[in-house]
Amino acid sequence: EAKAGVDQGRTEIFKSETEQLIHSCEWFKQEYPGRGMRPLIVHPATVLAHEAVFPSDGRVVTQAVLAGFSDAVRSLAVAFAMRPASEITEKLIHEQLQANSLLFDRCWASAKKITP
């Protein structure tokens, strides 16, 4: 869930926003039974409003996390742009993903846990 219209100075994630994320998670489970997923919300806040409930395994992607991700993707692109296509192998791709912290578990770890 990306919350594009949220004031960047807001300090809480509202109940309506967490309900929308939970609804999306339920839809995913119905549409893709047996498939794994990780709930993410793109939002400036990392604190829940009093009445809001958030998935226990969910994370928030803040502006700072998004900027770091963008920088990492840019560095990855530069690393490949400086090489001839014939040199770009699966091993090199994996090495560059790892070097730029773009493997899934590292990306997931950079997203923020929610503060109840």
N, C-alpha and C. Protein backbone atom coordinates (compact mmCIF):
# COMPACT_ATOMS: atom_id res chain seq x y z
N GLU A 1 0.84 -1.17 0.00
CA GLU A 1 0.00 0.00 0.00
C GLU A 1 0.89 1.24 0.00
N ALA A 2 0.65 2.12 -0.91
CA ALA A 2 1.37 3.39 -0.95
C ALA A 2 0.38 4.50 -0.62
N LYS A 3 0.72 5.31 0.33
CA LYS A 3 -0.15 6.39 0.78
C LYS A 3 0.40 7.70 0.22
N ALA A 4 0.05 8.00 -1.01
CA ALA A 4 0.62 9.14 -1.73
C ALA A 4 0.13 10.49 -1.23
N GLY A 5 -1.07 10.58 -0.71
CA GLY A 5 -1.63 11.87 -0.33
C GLY A 5 -1.39 12.26 1.13
N VAL A 6 -0.53 11.55 1.82
CA VAL A 6 -0.32 11.78 3.25
C VAL A 6 0.64 12.95 3.47
N ASP A 7 0.28 13.82 4.40
CA ASP A 7 1.16 14.93 4.80
C ASP A 7 2.46 14.34 5.34
N GLN A 8 3.60 14.78 4.80
CA GLN A 8 4.90 14.23 5.20
C GLN A 8 5.24 14.49 6.66
N GLY A 9 4.56 15.41 7.30
CA GLY A 9 4.81 15.69 8.70
C GLY A 9 3.95 14.89 9.67
N ARG A 10 3.07 14.06 9.11
CA ARG A 10 2.15 13.30 9.97
C ARG A 10 2.93 12.28 10.80
N THR A 11 2.51 12.08 12.04
CA THR A 11 3.26 11.21 12.95
C THR A 11 2.60 9.87 13.22
N GLU A 12 1.38 9.65 12.72
CA GLU A 12 0.68 8.39 12.98
C GLU A 12 0.10 7.79 11.70
N ILE A 13 -0.01 6.49 11.71
CA ILE A 13 -0.69 5.76 10.64
C ILE A 13 -2.11 5.51 11.14
N PHE A 14 -3.08 5.96 10.36
CA PHE A 14 -4.48 5.89 10.79
C PHE A 14 -5.08 4.50 10.60
N LYS A 15 -6.14 4.25 11.35
CA LYS A 15 -6.87 2.98 11.29
C LYS A 15 -7.34 2.67 9.87
N SER A 16 -7.86 3.65 9.17
CA SER A 16 -8.36 3.42 7.80
C SER A 16 -7.25 2.94 6.88
N GLU A 17 -6.04 3.41 7.10
CA GLU A 17 -4.90 3.01 6.27
C GLU A 17 -4.45 1.58 6.58
N THR A 18 -4.45 1.23 7.87
CA THR A 18 -4.06 -0.14 8.22
C THR A 18 -5.14 -1.13 7.78
N GLU A 19 -6.40 -0.71 7.86
CA GLU A 19 -7.49 -1.58 7.39
C GLU A 19 -7.35 -1.85 5.90
N GLN A 20 -6.95 -0.85 5.14
CA GLN A 20 -6.76 -1.02 3.70
C GLN A 20 -5.63 -2.01 3.43
N LEU A 21 -4.55 -1.93 4.20
CA LEU A 21 -3.43 -2.87 4.04
C LEU A 21 -3.89 -4.29 4.38
N ILE A 22 -4.61 -4.44 5.48
CA ILE A 22 -5.09 -5.76 5.88
C ILE A 22 -6.03 -6.33 4.82
N HIS A 23 -6.89 -5.48 4.27
CA HIS A 23 -7.79 -5.92 3.19
C HIS A 23 -6.98 -6.40 1.98
N SER A 24 -5.94 -5.68 1.63
CA SER A 24 -5.09 -6.08 0.50
C SER A 24 -4.38 -7.41 0.78
N CYS A 25 -3.97 -7.61 2.01
CA CYS A 25 -3.33 -8.88 2.39
C CYS A 25 -4.31 -10.04 2.25
N GLU A 26 -5.54 -9.83 2.68
CA GLU A 26 -6.57 -10.87 2.57
C GLU A 26 -6.87 -11.17 1.10
N TRP A 27 -6.95 -10.14 0.27
CA TRP A 27 -7.17 -10.33 -1.16
C TRP A 27 -6.04 -11.17 -1.76
N PHE A 28 -4.80 -10.84 -1.40
CA PHE A 28 -3.65 -11.58 -1.92
C PHE A 28 -3.73 -13.05 -1.53
N LYS A 29 -4.08 -13.33 -0.29
CA LYS A 29 -4.18 -14.72 0.18
C LYS A 29 -5.24 -15.49 -0.59
N GLN A 30 -6.35 -14.82 -0.93
CA GLN A 30 -7.41 -15.48 -1.70
C GLN A 30 -7.00 -15.70 -3.15
N GLU A 31 -6.35 -14.72 -3.73
CA GLU A 31 -5.96 -14.80 -5.14
C GLU A 31 -4.75 -15.70 -5.38
N TYR A 32 -3.87 -15.79 -4.40
CA TYR A 32 -2.63 -16.54 -4.54
C TYR A 32 -2.44 -17.49 -3.35
N PRO A 33 -3.33 -18.47 -3.21
CA PRO A 33 -3.24 -19.36 -2.05
C PRO A 33 -1.88 -20.07 -2.00
N GLY A 34 -1.35 -20.15 -0.80
CA GLY A 34 -0.08 -20.85 -0.61
C GLY A 34 1.15 -20.02 -0.93
N ARG A 35 0.97 -18.84 -1.49
CA ARG A 35 2.11 -17.98 -1.82
C ARG A 35 2.44 -17.07 -0.65
N GLY A 36 3.72 -16.82 -0.45
CA GLY A 36 4.14 -15.94 0.63
C GLY A 36 4.04 -14.47 0.23
N MET A 37 3.90 -13.63 1.22
CA MET A 37 3.90 -12.18 0.99
C MET A 37 4.33 -11.49 2.26
N ARG A 38 4.74 -10.26 2.11
CA ARG A 38 5.14 -9.45 3.26
C ARG A 38 4.44 -8.10 3.15
N PRO A 39 3.62 -7.76 4.13
CA PRO A 39 2.88 -6.50 4.08
C PRO A 39 3.80 -5.29 4.24
N LEU A 40 3.69 -4.36 3.31
CA LEU A 40 4.43 -3.10 3.35
C LEU A 40 3.48 -1.95 3.14
N ILE A 41 3.75 -0.85 3.83
CA ILE A 41 3.01 0.38 3.59
C ILE A 41 4.06 1.48 3.39
N VAL A 42 3.89 2.27 2.35
CA VAL A 42 4.78 3.41 2.12
C VAL A 42 4.11 4.60 2.79
N HIS A 43 4.76 5.11 3.85
CA HIS A 43 4.12 6.11 4.71
C HIS A 43 5.19 6.88 5.47
N PRO A 44 4.96 8.15 5.78
CA PRO A 44 5.98 8.92 6.52
C PRO A 44 6.06 8.57 8.01
N ALA A 45 5.00 7.99 8.57
CA ALA A 45 4.96 7.70 10.00
C ALA A 45 5.32 6.24 10.27
N THR A 46 5.81 5.97 11.48
CA THR A 46 6.09 4.60 11.90
C THR A 46 5.38 4.26 13.21
N VAL A 47 4.45 5.12 13.62
CA VAL A 47 3.69 4.92 14.85
C VAL A 47 2.22 4.75 14.48
N LEU A 48 1.57 3.78 15.12
CA LEU A 48 0.15 3.55 14.86
C LEU A 48 -0.72 4.49 15.69
N ALA A 49 -1.80 4.95 15.09
CA ALA A 49 -2.82 5.66 15.85
C ALA A 49 -3.41 4.68 16.85
N HIS A 50 -4.00 5.20 17.91
CA HIS A 50 -4.48 4.38 19.02
C HIS A 50 -5.35 3.21 18.58
N GLU A 51 -6.29 3.42 17.70
CA GLU A 51 -7.25 2.38 17.31
C GLU A 51 -6.80 1.52 16.12
N ALA A 52 -5.65 1.82 15.55
CA ALA A 52 -5.17 1.11 14.35
C ALA A 52 -4.51 -0.22 14.72
N VAL A 53 -4.69 -1.20 13.83
CA VAL A 53 -4.08 -2.52 13.98
C VAL A 53 -3.24 -2.77 12.73
N PHE A 54 -2.04 -3.30 12.93
CA PHE A 54 -1.11 -3.52 11.82
C PHE A 54 -0.69 -4.98 11.81
N PRO A 55 -0.51 -5.59 10.62
CA PRO A 55 -0.06 -6.98 10.58
C PRO A 55 1.26 -7.13 11.35
N SER A 56 1.37 -8.19 12.15
CA SER A 56 2.55 -8.37 13.00
C SER A 56 3.84 -8.47 12.20
N ASP A 57 3.75 -8.96 10.98
CA ASP A 57 4.96 -9.09 10.14
C ASP A 57 5.08 -7.94 9.14
N GLY A 58 4.27 -6.90 9.29
CA GLY A 58 4.29 -5.77 8.36
C GLY A 58 5.43 -4.81 8.65
N ARG A 59 5.74 -3.99 7.65
CA ARG A 59 6.79 -2.99 7.78
C ARG A 59 6.35 -1.71 7.07
N VAL A 60 7.02 -0.61 7.44
CA VAL A 60 6.77 0.69 6.83
C VAL A 60 7.99 1.10 6.04
N VAL A 61 7.74 1.56 4.84
CA VAL A 61 8.80 2.14 4.01
C VAL A 61 8.63 3.65 4.11
N THR A 62 9.55 4.29 4.82
CA THR A 62 9.51 5.74 5.00
C THR A 62 10.23 6.42 3.84
N GLN A 63 10.17 7.75 3.82
CA GLN A 63 10.86 8.51 2.78
C GLN A 63 12.36 8.21 2.80
N ALA A 64 12.94 8.10 3.99
CA ALA A 64 14.37 7.83 4.10
C ALA A 64 14.71 6.44 3.56
N VAL A 65 13.88 5.45 3.86
CA VAL A 65 14.11 4.10 3.35
C VAL A 65 13.97 4.09 1.83
N LEU A 66 12.96 4.79 1.32
CA LEU A 66 12.74 4.87 -0.12
C LEU A 66 13.91 5.55 -0.81
N ALA A 67 14.44 6.61 -0.21
CA ALA A 67 15.60 7.31 -0.80
C ALA A 67 16.82 6.39 -0.82
N GLY A 68 17.03 5.63 0.25
CA GLY A 68 18.15 4.68 0.28
C GLY A 68 18.01 3.60 -0.77
N PHE A 69 16.77 3.11 -0.96
CA PHE A 69 16.51 2.11 -1.98
C PHE A 69 16.79 2.68 -3.37
N SER A 70 16.33 3.90 -3.60
CA SER A 70 16.55 4.57 -4.88
C SER A 70 18.05 4.73 -5.17
N ASP A 71 18.80 5.14 -4.16
CA ASP A 71 20.26 5.28 -4.33
C ASP A 71 20.92 3.94 -4.65
N ALA A 72 20.46 2.88 -3.98
CA ALA A 72 21.02 1.55 -4.21
C ALA A 72 20.73 1.08 -5.64
N VAL A 73 19.50 1.32 -6.11
CA VAL A 73 19.15 0.93 -7.48
C VAL A 73 19.98 1.73 -8.49
N ARG A 74 20.19 3.00 -8.21
CA ARG A 74 21.02 3.84 -9.08
C ARG A 74 22.45 3.31 -9.13
N SER A 75 23.02 2.95 -8.00
CA SER A 75 24.37 2.39 -7.95
C SER A 75 24.46 1.08 -8.72
N LEU A 76 23.42 0.28 -8.60
CA LEU A 76 23.37 -0.98 -9.34
C LEU A 76 23.38 -0.71 -10.85
N ALA A 77 22.56 0.23 -11.28
CA ALA A 77 22.49 0.57 -12.70
C ALA A 77 23.83 1.09 -13.22
N VAL A 78 24.50 1.92 -12.43
CA VAL A 78 25.80 2.45 -12.84
C VAL A 78 26.81 1.32 -12.97
N ALA A 79 26.78 0.37 -12.03
CA ALA A 79 27.72 -0.77 -12.08
C ALA A 79 27.55 -1.56 -13.38
N PHE A 80 26.32 -1.71 -13.83
CA PHE A 80 26.09 -2.46 -15.07
C PHE A 80 26.34 -1.60 -16.31
N ALA A 81 26.06 -0.33 -16.23
CA ALA A 81 26.23 0.56 -17.39
C ALA A 81 27.70 0.69 -17.78
N MET A 82 28.59 0.46 -16.84
CA MET A 82 30.02 0.62 -17.10
C MET A 82 30.66 -0.65 -17.66
N ARG A 83 29.86 -1.67 -17.91
CA ARG A 83 30.39 -2.95 -18.41
C ARG A 83 29.73 -3.30 -19.75
N PRO A 84 30.47 -3.99 -20.58
CA PRO A 84 29.82 -4.51 -21.80
C PRO A 84 28.81 -5.59 -21.41
N ALA A 85 27.75 -5.71 -22.17
CA ALA A 85 26.69 -6.67 -21.88
C ALA A 85 27.24 -8.10 -21.76
N SER A 86 28.26 -8.42 -22.50
CA SER A 86 28.83 -9.77 -22.47
C SER A 86 29.45 -10.11 -21.11
N GLU A 87 29.77 -9.10 -20.30
CA GLU A 87 30.37 -9.34 -18.98
C GLU A 87 29.32 -9.48 -17.87
N ILE A 88 28.08 -9.20 -18.18
CA ILE A 88 27.05 -9.24 -17.14
C ILE A 88 26.51 -10.67 -17.04
N THR A 89 26.95 -11.33 -15.98
CA THR A 89 26.58 -12.73 -15.74
C THR A 89 25.65 -12.81 -14.53
N GLU A 90 25.07 -13.97 -14.34
CA GLU A 90 24.22 -14.18 -13.17
C GLU A 90 25.02 -13.97 -11.88
N LYS A 91 26.25 -14.43 -11.87
CA LYS A 91 27.12 -14.25 -10.69
C LYS A 91 27.35 -12.77 -10.41
N LEU A 92 27.65 -12.00 -11.45
CA LEU A 92 27.88 -10.56 -11.28
C LEU A 92 26.62 -9.86 -10.79
N ILE A 93 25.48 -10.23 -11.34
CA ILE A 93 24.22 -9.63 -10.90
C ILE A 93 24.01 -9.89 -9.41
N HIS A 94 24.21 -11.13 -8.99
CA HIS A 94 24.04 -11.47 -7.58
C HIS A 94 25.03 -10.69 -6.72
N GLU A 95 26.27 -10.60 -7.15
CA GLU A 95 27.28 -9.86 -6.40
C GLU A 95 26.89 -8.38 -6.25
N GLN A 96 26.40 -7.81 -7.32
CA GLN A 96 26.01 -6.39 -7.28
C GLN A 96 24.75 -6.17 -6.44
N LEU A 97 23.81 -7.10 -6.52
CA LEU A 97 22.63 -7.00 -5.66
C LEU A 97 23.04 -7.06 -4.20
N GLN A 98 23.96 -7.95 -3.89
CA GLN A 98 24.45 -8.08 -2.52
C GLN A 98 25.23 -6.84 -2.10
N ALA A 99 26.11 -6.36 -2.95
CA ALA A 99 26.94 -5.19 -2.63
C ALA A 99 26.09 -3.94 -2.39
N ASN A 100 24.96 -3.85 -3.06
CA ASN A 100 24.09 -2.68 -2.94
C ASN A 100 22.91 -2.92 -1.99
N SER A 101 22.98 -4.01 -1.20
CA SER A 101 21.93 -4.35 -0.23
C SER A 101 20.55 -4.45 -0.87
N LEU A 102 20.50 -5.05 -2.06
CA LEU A 102 19.23 -5.17 -2.77
C LEU A 102 18.67 -6.59 -2.80
N LEU A 103 19.31 -7.52 -2.11
CA LEU A 103 18.71 -8.83 -1.97
C LEU A 103 17.51 -8.69 -1.04
N PHE A 104 16.48 -9.48 -1.26
CA PHE A 104 15.20 -9.26 -0.59
C PHE A 104 15.33 -9.13 0.92
N ASP A 105 16.04 -10.02 1.56
CA ASP A 105 16.11 -9.97 3.02
C ASP A 105 16.75 -8.68 3.53
N ARG A 106 17.72 -8.14 2.80
CA ARG A 106 18.34 -6.88 3.21
C ARG A 106 17.37 -5.71 3.00
N CYS A 107 16.64 -5.74 1.88
CA CYS A 107 15.63 -4.69 1.64
C CYS A 107 14.56 -4.74 2.71
N TRP A 108 14.08 -5.93 3.03
CA TRP A 108 13.05 -6.11 4.04
C TRP A 108 13.55 -5.59 5.38
N ALA A 109 14.79 -5.87 5.70
CA ALA A 109 15.35 -5.46 6.99
C ALA A 109 15.44 -3.94 7.10
N SER A 110 15.58 -3.23 5.97
CA SER A 110 15.71 -1.78 6.03
C SER A 110 14.36 -1.08 6.26
N ALA A 111 13.26 -1.78 5.96
CA ALA A 111 11.94 -1.19 6.24
C ALA A 111 11.74 -1.17 7.76
N LYS A 112 10.98 -0.21 8.23
CA LYS A 112 10.82 0.02 9.67
C LYS A 112 9.71 -0.83 10.26
N LYS A 113 9.96 -1.33 11.47
CA LYS A 113 8.91 -2.00 12.22
C LYS A 113 7.98 -0.94 12.78
N ILE A 114 6.77 -1.31 13.01
CA ILE A 114 5.76 -0.41 13.53
C ILE A 114 5.88 -0.27 15.05
N THR A 115 5.68 0.93 15.52
CA THR A 115 5.62 1.20 16.95
C THR A 115 4.14 1.28 17.35
N PRO A 116 3.69 0.36 18.21
CA PRO A 116 2.26 0.39 18.60
C PRO A 116 1.93 1.62 19.44
